[in-house]
Amino acid sequence: MSSIELEEVKDRIIFQLINPHRNQELLRDTPHILYLDLAIVFCVYYEQRAMIIKENLSHLWKLNTETLYRIARENTERLLPSDFTSIEEVLTRLTGCEMKPEEEIMYILSNKQGIWGAASILYQGELKEIGKTLEEDYYVLPSSIHEVIIVPKSKAISREDLDAMIQEINETQVGEQEVLSNHAYYYNREKEELMS
């Protein structure tokens, strides 16, 4: 591919989050950044499809990993804007029946398209804004590469039980290539940091 072709796709380079242990073969020749126990990879996004950018292509385009990340960060937030909603709102959308719980316990963070939405946790200021909305620290449960579930600390079960729940869902409900992680993450508002 020529540099002209890079210009054609440069505004469509995005990032995704994947599980590095399940994708060791892929990562051998794919530019990536390790984040917590996850891996950020880069793709060219077009009409709900994504082509992973391999090392030979990034070398041809003379783009190092840091430059790919900078380009992808801007594009991903623009092309796949985040969507933070309560689970009840999602169920209302899906069923057409309005759900009105006494209190919101869980939320879903994804993007408007509902694909590769777990990467929304990387968006500039996204986790901080969620903390402001909830007014407390919270857990991030990686339900798949497409979304994460947000649980306010005050509504959460124990960390061990959260991890066990995630593992069970991954084993029974999530496709092997869509599993992100087997444990919960914790967002600390004071430190403005997501932690394993």
N, C-alpha and C. Protein backbone atom coordinates (compact mmCIF):
# COMPACT_ATOMS: atom_id res chain seq x y z
N MET A 1 0.85 -1.19 0.00
CA MET A 1 0.00 0.00 0.00
C MET A 1 0.88 1.24 0.00
N SER A 2 0.44 2.24 -0.68
CA SER A 2 1.22 3.48 -0.78
C SER A 2 0.80 4.46 0.29
N SER A 3 1.59 5.56 0.40
CA SER A 3 1.27 6.60 1.37
C SER A 3 -0.04 7.29 1.01
N ILE A 4 -0.38 7.31 -0.29
CA ILE A 4 -1.66 7.89 -0.71
C ILE A 4 -2.80 7.10 -0.08
N GLU A 5 -2.65 5.78 -0.09
CA GLU A 5 -3.68 4.94 0.52
C GLU A 5 -3.78 5.16 2.02
N LEU A 6 -2.66 5.47 2.65
CA LEU A 6 -2.72 5.82 4.07
C LEU A 6 -3.60 7.04 4.26
N GLU A 7 -3.41 8.04 3.42
CA GLU A 7 -4.23 9.25 3.53
C GLU A 7 -5.70 8.94 3.35
N GLU A 8 -6.00 7.94 2.54
CA GLU A 8 -7.40 7.56 2.31
C GLU A 8 -8.04 6.95 3.55
N VAL A 9 -7.23 6.27 4.37
CA VAL A 9 -7.81 5.57 5.52
C VAL A 9 -7.42 6.18 6.86
N LYS A 10 -6.57 7.19 6.84
CA LYS A 10 -6.03 7.73 8.09
C LYS A 10 -7.12 8.16 9.07
N ASP A 11 -8.22 8.71 8.54
CA ASP A 11 -9.30 9.17 9.42
C ASP A 11 -10.25 8.05 9.83
N ARG A 12 -9.89 6.80 9.46
CA ARG A 12 -10.71 5.65 9.84
C ARG A 12 -9.93 4.66 10.71
N ILE A 13 -8.74 5.04 11.15
CA ILE A 13 -7.95 4.18 12.04
C ILE A 13 -8.50 4.31 13.45
N ILE A 14 -8.89 3.20 14.03
CA ILE A 14 -9.47 3.18 15.38
C ILE A 14 -8.70 2.18 16.25
N PHE A 15 -9.05 2.14 17.54
CA PHE A 15 -8.48 1.10 18.39
C PHE A 15 -9.58 0.20 18.95
N GLN A 16 -9.15 -1.00 19.34
CA GLN A 16 -10.00 -1.97 20.01
C GLN A 16 -9.25 -2.51 21.21
N LEU A 17 -9.99 -3.02 22.18
CA LEU A 17 -9.39 -3.72 23.31
C LEU A 17 -9.61 -5.22 23.14
N ILE A 18 -8.55 -5.99 23.34
CA ILE A 18 -8.68 -7.44 23.26
C ILE A 18 -7.94 -8.09 24.43
N ASN A 19 -8.17 -9.39 24.60
CA ASN A 19 -7.48 -10.16 25.62
C ASN A 19 -6.15 -10.65 25.04
N PRO A 20 -5.01 -10.21 25.61
CA PRO A 20 -3.72 -10.59 25.02
C PRO A 20 -3.39 -12.08 25.15
N HIS A 21 -3.87 -12.73 26.20
CA HIS A 21 -3.55 -14.14 26.40
C HIS A 21 -4.25 -15.02 25.37
N ARG A 22 -5.46 -14.63 25.00
CA ARG A 22 -6.21 -15.39 24.01
C ARG A 22 -5.81 -15.03 22.58
N ASN A 23 -5.00 -13.99 22.43
CA ASN A 23 -4.63 -13.50 21.10
C ASN A 23 -3.11 -13.40 20.93
N GLN A 24 -2.37 -14.31 21.57
CA GLN A 24 -0.91 -14.26 21.51
C GLN A 24 -0.39 -14.35 20.08
N GLU A 25 -0.99 -15.23 19.30
CA GLU A 25 -0.56 -15.43 17.91
C GLU A 25 -0.76 -14.14 17.11
N LEU A 26 -1.92 -13.54 17.25
CA LEU A 26 -2.22 -12.29 16.54
C LEU A 26 -1.25 -11.18 16.92
N LEU A 27 -0.94 -11.07 18.21
CA LEU A 27 -0.12 -9.96 18.68
C LEU A 27 1.35 -10.08 18.28
N ARG A 28 1.79 -11.27 17.85
CA ARG A 28 3.19 -11.44 17.46
C ARG A 28 3.62 -10.47 16.36
N ASP A 29 2.71 -10.21 15.42
CA ASP A 29 3.07 -9.32 14.30
C ASP A 29 2.06 -8.18 14.14
N THR A 30 1.53 -7.74 15.29
CA THR A 30 0.54 -6.67 15.29
C THR A 30 0.97 -5.58 16.27
N PRO A 31 1.06 -4.32 15.82
CA PRO A 31 1.38 -3.26 16.77
C PRO A 31 0.31 -3.20 17.86
N HIS A 32 0.73 -3.10 19.11
CA HIS A 32 -0.23 -3.06 20.20
C HIS A 32 0.39 -2.37 21.41
N ILE A 33 -0.48 -1.98 22.33
CA ILE A 33 -0.06 -1.37 23.59
C ILE A 33 -0.72 -2.16 24.70
N LEU A 34 0.05 -2.58 25.69
CA LEU A 34 -0.53 -3.27 26.83
C LEU A 34 -1.11 -2.23 27.79
N TYR A 35 -2.33 -2.50 28.25
CA TYR A 35 -3.03 -1.60 29.18
C TYR A 35 -3.66 -2.48 30.25
N LEU A 36 -3.23 -2.29 31.51
CA LEU A 36 -3.62 -3.21 32.58
C LEU A 36 -3.24 -4.62 32.11
N ASP A 37 -4.20 -5.55 32.06
CA ASP A 37 -3.89 -6.89 31.53
C ASP A 37 -4.59 -7.10 30.18
N LEU A 38 -4.81 -5.99 29.47
CA LEU A 38 -5.48 -6.01 28.17
C LEU A 38 -4.50 -5.54 27.10
N ALA A 39 -4.92 -5.64 25.85
CA ALA A 39 -4.09 -5.13 24.74
C ALA A 39 -4.94 -4.23 23.86
N ILE A 40 -4.34 -3.09 23.49
CA ILE A 40 -4.96 -2.16 22.56
C ILE A 40 -4.38 -2.46 21.18
N VAL A 41 -5.25 -2.77 20.22
CA VAL A 41 -4.81 -3.00 18.84
C VAL A 41 -5.48 -1.95 17.94
N PHE A 42 -4.96 -1.84 16.72
CA PHE A 42 -5.42 -0.79 15.81
C PHE A 42 -6.02 -1.41 14.55
N CYS A 43 -7.04 -0.76 14.03
CA CYS A 43 -7.77 -1.28 12.88
C CYS A 43 -8.16 -0.14 11.96
N VAL A 44 -8.46 -0.51 10.73
CA VAL A 44 -9.12 0.41 9.82
C VAL A 44 -10.60 0.05 9.85
N TYR A 45 -11.43 1.01 10.21
CA TYR A 45 -12.87 0.78 10.41
C TYR A 45 -13.64 1.26 9.19
N TYR A 46 -14.53 0.39 8.70
CA TYR A 46 -15.34 0.77 7.55
C TYR A 46 -16.65 -0.02 7.57
N GLU A 47 -17.75 0.68 7.67
CA GLU A 47 -19.10 0.08 7.61
C GLU A 47 -19.24 -1.15 8.51
N GLN A 48 -19.05 -0.97 9.80
CA GLN A 48 -19.22 -2.02 10.81
C GLN A 48 -18.19 -3.15 10.70
N ARG A 49 -17.14 -2.95 9.91
CA ARG A 49 -16.08 -3.94 9.81
C ARG A 49 -14.76 -3.29 10.17
N ALA A 50 -13.82 -4.13 10.59
CA ALA A 50 -12.52 -3.58 10.97
C ALA A 50 -11.42 -4.53 10.50
N MET A 51 -10.41 -3.95 9.85
CA MET A 51 -9.25 -4.72 9.41
C MET A 51 -8.09 -4.37 10.35
N ILE A 52 -7.59 -5.39 11.04
CA ILE A 52 -6.48 -5.15 11.98
C ILE A 52 -5.24 -4.70 11.22
N ILE A 53 -4.57 -3.70 11.76
CA ILE A 53 -3.33 -3.19 11.16
C ILE A 53 -2.16 -4.03 11.67
N LYS A 54 -1.52 -4.73 10.76
CA LYS A 54 -0.37 -5.56 11.10
C LYS A 54 0.92 -4.74 10.99
N GLU A 55 2.01 -5.29 11.51
CA GLU A 55 3.28 -4.56 11.54
C GLU A 55 3.77 -4.18 10.14
N ASN A 56 3.62 -5.09 9.16
CA ASN A 56 4.12 -4.77 7.82
C ASN A 56 3.42 -3.53 7.25
N LEU A 57 2.13 -3.39 7.56
CA LEU A 57 1.38 -2.23 7.07
C LEU A 57 1.79 -0.96 7.82
N SER A 58 1.95 -1.05 9.12
CA SER A 58 2.36 0.14 9.89
C SER A 58 3.77 0.59 9.50
N HIS A 59 4.66 -0.37 9.16
CA HIS A 59 6.01 -0.01 8.70
C HIS A 59 5.95 0.69 7.34
N LEU A 60 5.10 0.14 6.47
CA LEU A 60 4.94 0.73 5.14
C LEU A 60 4.42 2.16 5.25
N TRP A 61 3.52 2.37 6.20
CA TRP A 61 2.95 3.71 6.41
C TRP A 61 3.85 4.59 7.28
N LYS A 62 4.95 4.00 7.80
CA LYS A 62 5.88 4.73 8.68
C LYS A 62 5.16 5.30 9.91
N LEU A 63 4.31 4.47 10.51
CA LEU A 63 3.59 4.86 11.72
C LEU A 63 4.03 3.98 12.87
N ASN A 64 4.59 4.58 13.93
CA ASN A 64 4.93 3.78 15.10
C ASN A 64 3.69 3.62 15.99
N THR A 65 3.81 2.82 17.01
CA THR A 65 2.65 2.50 17.85
C THR A 65 2.08 3.74 18.52
N GLU A 66 2.93 4.64 18.97
CA GLU A 66 2.45 5.85 19.65
C GLU A 66 1.65 6.73 18.70
N THR A 67 2.12 6.84 17.46
CA THR A 67 1.40 7.64 16.46
C THR A 67 0.06 6.99 16.12
N LEU A 68 0.07 5.67 15.97
CA LEU A 68 -1.19 4.94 15.72
C LEU A 68 -2.18 5.22 16.85
N TYR A 69 -1.69 5.18 18.09
CA TYR A 69 -2.58 5.41 19.23
C TYR A 69 -3.15 6.83 19.21
N ARG A 70 -2.33 7.80 18.90
CA ARG A 70 -2.79 9.19 18.87
C ARG A 70 -3.87 9.38 17.79
N ILE A 71 -3.62 8.83 16.61
CA ILE A 71 -4.59 8.93 15.51
C ILE A 71 -5.88 8.20 15.88
N ALA A 72 -5.71 6.97 16.40
CA ALA A 72 -6.87 6.14 16.73
C ALA A 72 -7.71 6.74 17.85
N ARG A 73 -7.06 7.36 18.81
CA ARG A 73 -7.81 7.95 19.93
C ARG A 73 -8.79 9.01 19.43
N GLU A 74 -8.32 9.85 18.55
CA GLU A 74 -9.19 10.89 17.99
C GLU A 74 -10.31 10.29 17.14
N ASN A 75 -9.94 9.35 16.27
CA ASN A 75 -10.93 8.77 15.35
C ASN A 75 -11.97 7.91 16.06
N THR A 76 -11.53 7.10 17.02
CA THR A 76 -12.46 6.17 17.67
C THR A 76 -13.57 6.92 18.39
N GLU A 77 -13.20 7.97 19.11
CA GLU A 77 -14.21 8.75 19.82
C GLU A 77 -15.17 9.44 18.85
N ARG A 78 -14.68 9.79 17.67
CA ARG A 78 -15.53 10.47 16.68
C ARG A 78 -16.42 9.47 15.93
N LEU A 79 -15.84 8.36 15.49
CA LEU A 79 -16.58 7.38 14.69
C LEU A 79 -17.48 6.48 15.52
N LEU A 80 -17.04 6.20 16.76
CA LEU A 80 -17.78 5.28 17.64
C LEU A 80 -18.03 5.98 18.99
N PRO A 81 -18.86 7.03 19.01
CA PRO A 81 -19.07 7.78 20.25
C PRO A 81 -19.63 6.90 21.36
N SER A 82 -19.22 7.21 22.58
CA SER A 82 -19.60 6.36 23.72
C SER A 82 -21.09 6.44 24.02
N ASP A 83 -21.57 5.42 24.69
CA ASP A 83 -22.98 5.33 25.09
C ASP A 83 -23.00 4.74 26.51
N PHE A 84 -23.39 5.57 27.48
CA PHE A 84 -23.45 5.15 28.88
C PHE A 84 -24.91 5.19 29.31
N THR A 85 -25.49 4.01 29.56
CA THR A 85 -26.91 3.93 29.90
C THR A 85 -27.13 2.88 30.98
N SER A 86 -28.23 3.03 31.69
CA SER A 86 -28.57 2.02 32.69
C SER A 86 -29.04 0.75 31.98
N ILE A 87 -28.88 -0.37 32.65
CA ILE A 87 -29.34 -1.64 32.07
C ILE A 87 -30.85 -1.59 31.83
N GLU A 88 -31.56 -0.89 32.70
CA GLU A 88 -33.01 -0.77 32.54
C GLU A 88 -33.35 -0.03 31.24
N GLU A 89 -32.60 1.02 30.92
CA GLU A 89 -32.82 1.74 29.66
C GLU A 89 -32.58 0.84 28.47
N VAL A 90 -31.53 0.02 28.54
CA VAL A 90 -31.22 -0.90 27.45
C VAL A 90 -32.35 -1.91 27.28
N LEU A 91 -32.84 -2.46 28.39
CA LEU A 91 -33.95 -3.43 28.32
C LEU A 91 -35.21 -2.78 27.76
N THR A 92 -35.45 -1.53 28.12
CA THR A 92 -36.61 -0.80 27.60
C THR A 92 -36.49 -0.65 26.08
N ARG A 93 -35.29 -0.31 25.60
CA ARG A 93 -35.05 -0.19 24.16
C ARG A 93 -35.31 -1.52 23.45
N LEU A 94 -34.80 -2.61 24.05
CA LEU A 94 -34.90 -3.92 23.41
C LEU A 94 -36.32 -4.49 23.42
N THR A 95 -37.02 -4.29 24.53
CA THR A 95 -38.34 -4.92 24.69
C THR A 95 -39.50 -4.00 24.35
N GLY A 96 -39.27 -2.69 24.42
CA GLY A 96 -40.36 -1.75 24.21
C GLY A 96 -41.21 -1.57 25.46
N CYS A 97 -40.89 -2.31 26.52
CA CYS A 97 -41.61 -2.19 27.79
C CYS A 97 -40.77 -1.35 28.75
N GLU A 98 -41.37 -0.31 29.29
CA GLU A 98 -40.60 0.58 30.16
C GLU A 98 -40.31 -0.08 31.50
N MET A 99 -39.05 -0.03 31.89
CA MET A 99 -38.61 -0.57 33.17
C MET A 99 -38.31 0.60 34.10
N LYS A 100 -38.91 0.60 35.27
CA LYS A 100 -38.66 1.70 36.21
C LYS A 100 -38.31 1.14 37.58
N PRO A 101 -37.03 0.82 37.78
CA PRO A 101 -36.62 0.30 39.09
C PRO A 101 -36.57 1.42 40.12
N GLU A 102 -36.55 1.04 41.39
CA GLU A 102 -36.45 2.04 42.45
C GLU A 102 -35.11 2.76 42.40
N GLU A 103 -34.05 2.03 42.04
CA GLU A 103 -32.74 2.66 41.91
C GLU A 103 -31.93 1.95 40.84
N GLU A 104 -31.06 2.72 40.20
CA GLU A 104 -30.19 2.15 39.17
C GLU A 104 -29.04 1.41 39.86
N ILE A 105 -28.83 0.16 39.47
CA ILE A 105 -27.77 -0.63 40.10
C ILE A 105 -26.61 -0.88 39.13
N MET A 106 -26.94 -1.09 37.85
CA MET A 106 -25.89 -1.38 36.87
C MET A 106 -26.10 -0.54 35.62
N TYR A 107 -24.98 -0.24 34.99
CA TYR A 107 -25.00 0.56 33.76
C TYR A 107 -24.16 -0.15 32.71
N ILE A 108 -24.41 0.17 31.46
CA ILE A 108 -23.62 -0.38 30.37
C ILE A 108 -22.86 0.76 29.69
N LEU A 109 -21.56 0.56 29.50
CA LEU A 109 -20.75 1.49 28.74
C LEU A 109 -20.31 0.78 27.46
N SER A 110 -20.68 1.36 26.34
CA SER A 110 -20.29 0.83 25.03
C SER A 110 -20.15 2.02 24.10
N ASN A 111 -20.51 1.83 22.84
CA ASN A 111 -20.59 2.95 21.92
C ASN A 111 -21.93 2.87 21.20
N LYS A 112 -22.26 3.90 20.47
CA LYS A 112 -23.58 3.98 19.83
C LYS A 112 -23.82 2.82 18.88
N GLN A 113 -22.74 2.27 18.29
CA GLN A 113 -22.89 1.16 17.35
C GLN A 113 -22.97 -0.20 18.04
N GLY A 114 -22.52 -0.28 19.30
CA GLY A 114 -22.58 -1.54 20.03
C GLY A 114 -21.53 -2.56 19.62
N ILE A 115 -20.48 -2.12 18.90
CA ILE A 115 -19.40 -3.02 18.51
C ILE A 115 -18.07 -2.48 19.02
N TRP A 116 -17.26 -3.36 19.59
CA TRP A 116 -15.95 -3.03 20.16
C TRP A 116 -16.05 -1.91 21.19
N GLY A 117 -17.18 -1.84 21.87
CA GLY A 117 -17.45 -0.72 22.77
C GLY A 117 -16.70 -0.75 24.08
N ALA A 118 -16.06 -1.87 24.43
CA ALA A 118 -15.26 -1.89 25.66
C ALA A 118 -14.13 -0.87 25.58
N ALA A 119 -13.71 -0.54 24.37
CA ALA A 119 -12.64 0.44 24.18
C ALA A 119 -13.05 1.84 24.64
N SER A 120 -14.32 2.04 24.92
CA SER A 120 -14.79 3.34 25.43
C SER A 120 -14.14 3.70 26.76
N ILE A 121 -13.64 2.71 27.50
CA ILE A 121 -12.97 3.02 28.76
C ILE A 121 -11.68 3.81 28.53
N LEU A 122 -11.19 3.81 27.27
CA LEU A 122 -9.97 4.54 26.94
C LEU A 122 -10.24 5.98 26.50
N TYR A 123 -11.51 6.32 26.29
CA TYR A 123 -11.83 7.66 25.79
C TYR A 123 -11.45 8.72 26.81
N GLN A 124 -10.98 9.84 26.30
CA GLN A 124 -10.52 10.95 27.13
C GLN A 124 -11.61 11.40 28.10
N GLY A 125 -11.35 11.27 29.39
CA GLY A 125 -12.27 11.76 30.42
C GLY A 125 -13.52 10.94 30.64
N GLU A 126 -13.70 9.85 29.91
CA GLU A 126 -14.94 9.05 30.00
C GLU A 126 -15.16 8.49 31.41
N LEU A 127 -14.14 7.84 31.97
CA LEU A 127 -14.29 7.21 33.29
C LEU A 127 -14.46 8.27 34.38
N LYS A 128 -13.80 9.39 34.22
CA LYS A 128 -13.93 10.48 35.18
C LYS A 128 -15.36 11.01 35.19
N GLU A 129 -15.95 11.18 34.01
CA GLU A 129 -17.34 11.67 33.90
C GLU A 129 -18.33 10.70 34.52
N ILE A 130 -18.08 9.41 34.32
CA ILE A 130 -18.96 8.40 34.93
C ILE A 130 -18.89 8.51 36.45
N GLY A 131 -17.67 8.70 36.98
CA GLY A 131 -17.50 8.88 38.42
C GLY A 131 -18.26 10.09 38.93
N LYS A 132 -18.25 11.17 38.15
CA LYS A 132 -19.01 12.37 38.54
C LYS A 132 -20.50 12.09 38.55
N THR A 133 -20.97 11.36 37.54
CA THR A 133 -22.40 11.02 37.43
C THR A 133 -22.83 10.15 38.61
N LEU A 134 -22.01 9.13 38.94
CA LEU A 134 -22.37 8.20 40.01
C LEU A 134 -22.07 8.78 41.40
N GLU A 135 -21.17 9.76 41.44
CA GLU A 135 -20.73 10.38 42.69
C GLU A 135 -20.08 9.39 43.65
N GLU A 136 -19.42 8.39 43.08
CA GLU A 136 -18.69 7.42 43.90
C GLU A 136 -17.76 6.59 43.00
N ASP A 137 -16.85 5.85 43.64
CA ASP A 137 -16.00 4.91 42.92
C ASP A 137 -16.90 3.80 42.36
N TYR A 138 -16.35 3.03 41.42
CA TYR A 138 -17.18 1.97 40.83
C TYR A 138 -16.31 0.85 40.25
N TYR A 139 -16.98 -0.27 39.98
CA TYR A 139 -16.33 -1.41 39.34
C TYR A 139 -16.67 -1.42 37.85
N VAL A 140 -15.71 -1.89 37.07
CA VAL A 140 -15.90 -2.06 35.63
C VAL A 140 -15.82 -3.55 35.35
N LEU A 141 -16.93 -4.13 34.89
CA LEU A 141 -16.98 -5.56 34.61
C LEU A 141 -16.88 -5.77 33.10
N PRO A 142 -15.83 -6.44 32.63
CA PRO A 142 -15.65 -6.64 31.19
C PRO A 142 -16.56 -7.74 30.66
N SER A 143 -17.75 -7.38 30.20
CA SER A 143 -18.68 -8.42 29.77
C SER A 143 -18.32 -8.97 28.39
N SER A 144 -17.63 -8.19 27.56
CA SER A 144 -17.11 -8.67 26.28
C SER A 144 -16.27 -7.55 25.67
N ILE A 145 -15.71 -7.80 24.47
CA ILE A 145 -14.98 -6.73 23.79
C ILE A 145 -15.92 -5.61 23.35
N HIS A 146 -17.23 -5.88 23.40
CA HIS A 146 -18.21 -4.92 22.89
C HIS A 146 -18.77 -3.98 23.95
N GLU A 147 -18.63 -4.33 25.23
CA GLU A 147 -19.20 -3.48 26.27
C GLU A 147 -18.62 -3.86 27.63
N VAL A 148 -18.75 -2.92 28.56
CA VAL A 148 -18.43 -3.21 29.95
C VAL A 148 -19.64 -2.82 30.79
N ILE A 149 -19.75 -3.44 31.95
CA ILE A 149 -20.83 -3.11 32.88
C ILE A 149 -20.23 -2.31 34.03
N ILE A 150 -20.90 -1.24 34.38
CA ILE A 150 -20.45 -0.37 35.46
C ILE A 150 -21.34 -0.61 36.68
N VAL A 151 -20.71 -0.89 37.82
CA VAL A 151 -21.45 -1.12 39.06
C VAL A 151 -20.91 -0.17 40.13
N PRO A 152 -21.74 0.76 40.64
CA PRO A 152 -21.29 1.64 41.72
C PRO A 152 -20.80 0.81 42.92
N LYS A 153 -19.77 1.27 43.56
CA LYS A 153 -19.18 0.53 44.68
C LYS A 153 -20.24 0.21 45.75
N SER A 154 -21.13 1.15 46.03
CA SER A 154 -22.12 0.96 47.09
C SER A 154 -23.16 -0.11 46.74
N LYS A 155 -23.26 -0.47 45.45
CA LYS A 155 -24.25 -1.46 45.01
C LYS A 155 -23.61 -2.81 44.69
N ALA A 156 -22.28 -2.88 44.78
CA ALA A 156 -21.57 -4.07 44.32
C ALA A 156 -21.53 -5.18 45.36
N ILE A 157 -21.52 -6.41 44.87
CA ILE A 157 -21.24 -7.56 45.71
C ILE A 157 -19.72 -7.61 45.91
N SER A 158 -19.21 -8.62 46.61
CA SER A 158 -17.78 -8.67 46.88
C SER A 158 -16.97 -8.82 45.59
N ARG A 159 -15.72 -8.41 45.64
CA ARG A 159 -14.83 -8.49 44.47
C ARG A 159 -14.71 -9.93 43.99
N GLU A 160 -14.60 -10.86 44.92
CA GLU A 160 -14.48 -12.28 44.56
C GLU A 160 -15.73 -12.76 43.83
N ASP A 161 -16.90 -12.33 44.32
CA ASP A 161 -18.15 -12.74 43.67
C ASP A 161 -18.30 -12.10 42.29
N LEU A 162 -17.84 -10.86 42.15
CA LEU A 162 -17.87 -10.20 40.84
C LEU A 162 -17.00 -10.99 39.85
N ASP A 163 -15.79 -11.35 40.29
CA ASP A 163 -14.88 -12.11 39.42
C ASP A 163 -15.48 -13.47 39.04
N ALA A 164 -16.09 -14.12 40.00
CA ALA A 164 -16.71 -15.43 39.73
C ALA A 164 -17.85 -15.29 38.72
N MET A 165 -18.63 -14.23 38.85
CA MET A 165 -19.74 -13.98 37.93
C MET A 165 -19.22 -13.74 36.51
N ILE A 166 -18.16 -12.93 36.40
CA ILE A 166 -17.57 -12.64 35.08
C ILE A 166 -17.06 -13.93 34.44
N GLN A 167 -16.36 -14.75 35.22
CA GLN A 167 -15.81 -16.00 34.69
C GLN A 167 -16.91 -16.93 34.19
N GLU A 168 -17.99 -17.01 34.96
CA GLU A 168 -19.10 -17.89 34.56
C GLU A 168 -19.75 -17.39 33.27
N ILE A 169 -19.96 -16.08 33.17
CA ILE A 169 -20.57 -15.52 31.96
C ILE A 169 -19.65 -15.73 30.76
N ASN A 170 -18.35 -15.54 30.95
CA ASN A 170 -17.40 -15.75 29.86
C ASN A 170 -17.43 -17.19 29.36
N GLU A 171 -17.56 -18.13 30.29
CA GLU A 171 -17.55 -19.55 29.92
C GLU A 171 -18.85 -19.99 29.25
N THR A 172 -19.96 -19.33 29.58
CA THR A 172 -21.26 -19.82 29.11
C THR A 172 -21.96 -18.92 28.10
N GLN A 173 -21.64 -17.62 28.09
CA GLN A 173 -22.42 -16.68 27.27
C GLN A 173 -21.63 -15.93 26.21
N VAL A 174 -20.31 -15.89 26.33
CA VAL A 174 -19.50 -15.03 25.46
C VAL A 174 -18.65 -15.88 24.52
N GLY A 175 -18.64 -15.52 23.23
CA GLY A 175 -17.81 -16.23 22.25
C GLY A 175 -16.33 -16.10 22.61
N GLU A 176 -15.55 -17.12 22.30
CA GLU A 176 -14.15 -17.16 22.72
C GLU A 176 -13.36 -15.93 22.28
N GLN A 177 -13.58 -15.46 21.05
CA GLN A 177 -12.84 -14.30 20.54
C GLN A 177 -13.36 -12.98 21.11
N GLU A 178 -14.49 -13.03 21.83
CA GLU A 178 -15.08 -11.80 22.37
C GLU A 178 -14.83 -11.64 23.87
N VAL A 179 -14.21 -12.63 24.50
CA VAL A 179 -13.88 -12.54 25.92
C VAL A 179 -12.80 -11.47 26.10
N LEU A 180 -13.02 -10.57 27.05
CA LEU A 180 -12.04 -9.51 27.29
C LEU A 180 -11.16 -9.84 28.49
N SER A 181 -11.78 -10.15 29.63
CA SER A 181 -11.02 -10.46 30.84
C SER A 181 -11.90 -11.25 31.78
N ASN A 182 -11.27 -11.92 32.74
CA ASN A 182 -12.01 -12.75 33.70
C ASN A 182 -12.17 -12.09 35.06
N HIS A 183 -11.86 -10.81 35.16
CA HIS A 183 -11.99 -10.18 36.48
C HIS A 183 -12.43 -8.72 36.36
N ALA A 184 -12.93 -8.20 37.46
CA ALA A 184 -13.41 -6.82 37.52
C ALA A 184 -12.24 -5.85 37.69
N TYR A 185 -12.46 -4.63 37.24
CA TYR A 185 -11.52 -3.53 37.46
C TYR A 185 -12.19 -2.53 38.40
N TYR A 186 -11.38 -1.67 39.01
CA TYR A 186 -11.91 -0.72 39.98
C TYR A 186 -11.47 0.69 39.59
N TYR A 187 -12.44 1.61 39.51
CA TYR A 187 -12.10 3.00 39.20
C TYR A 187 -12.10 3.83 40.49
N ASN A 188 -10.93 4.42 40.76
CA ASN A 188 -10.75 5.26 41.93
C ASN A 188 -10.89 6.73 41.50
N ARG A 189 -11.93 7.39 41.98
CA ARG A 189 -12.20 8.78 41.56
C ARG A 189 -11.11 9.74 42.01
N GLU A 190 -10.60 9.53 43.22
CA GLU A 190 -9.58 10.44 43.75
C GLU A 190 -8.31 10.39 42.90
N LYS A 191 -7.90 9.16 42.54
CA LYS A 191 -6.69 9.00 41.72
C LYS A 191 -6.97 9.15 40.24
N GLU A 192 -8.26 9.14 39.88
CA GLU A 192 -8.67 9.18 38.47
C GLU A 192 -7.98 8.07 37.69
N GLU A 193 -8.10 6.86 38.25
CA GLU A 193 -7.35 5.74 37.70
C GLU A 193 -8.16 4.46 37.74
N LEU A 194 -8.07 3.68 36.63
CA LEU A 194 -8.67 2.36 36.58
C LEU A 194 -7.60 1.35 36.98
N MET A 195 -7.95 0.46 37.90
CA MET A 195 -6.97 -0.48 38.43
C MET A 195 -7.47 -1.93 38.33
N SER A 196 -6.52 -2.85 38.22
CA SER A 196 -6.88 -4.29 38.19
C SER A 196 -7.27 -4.76 39.58
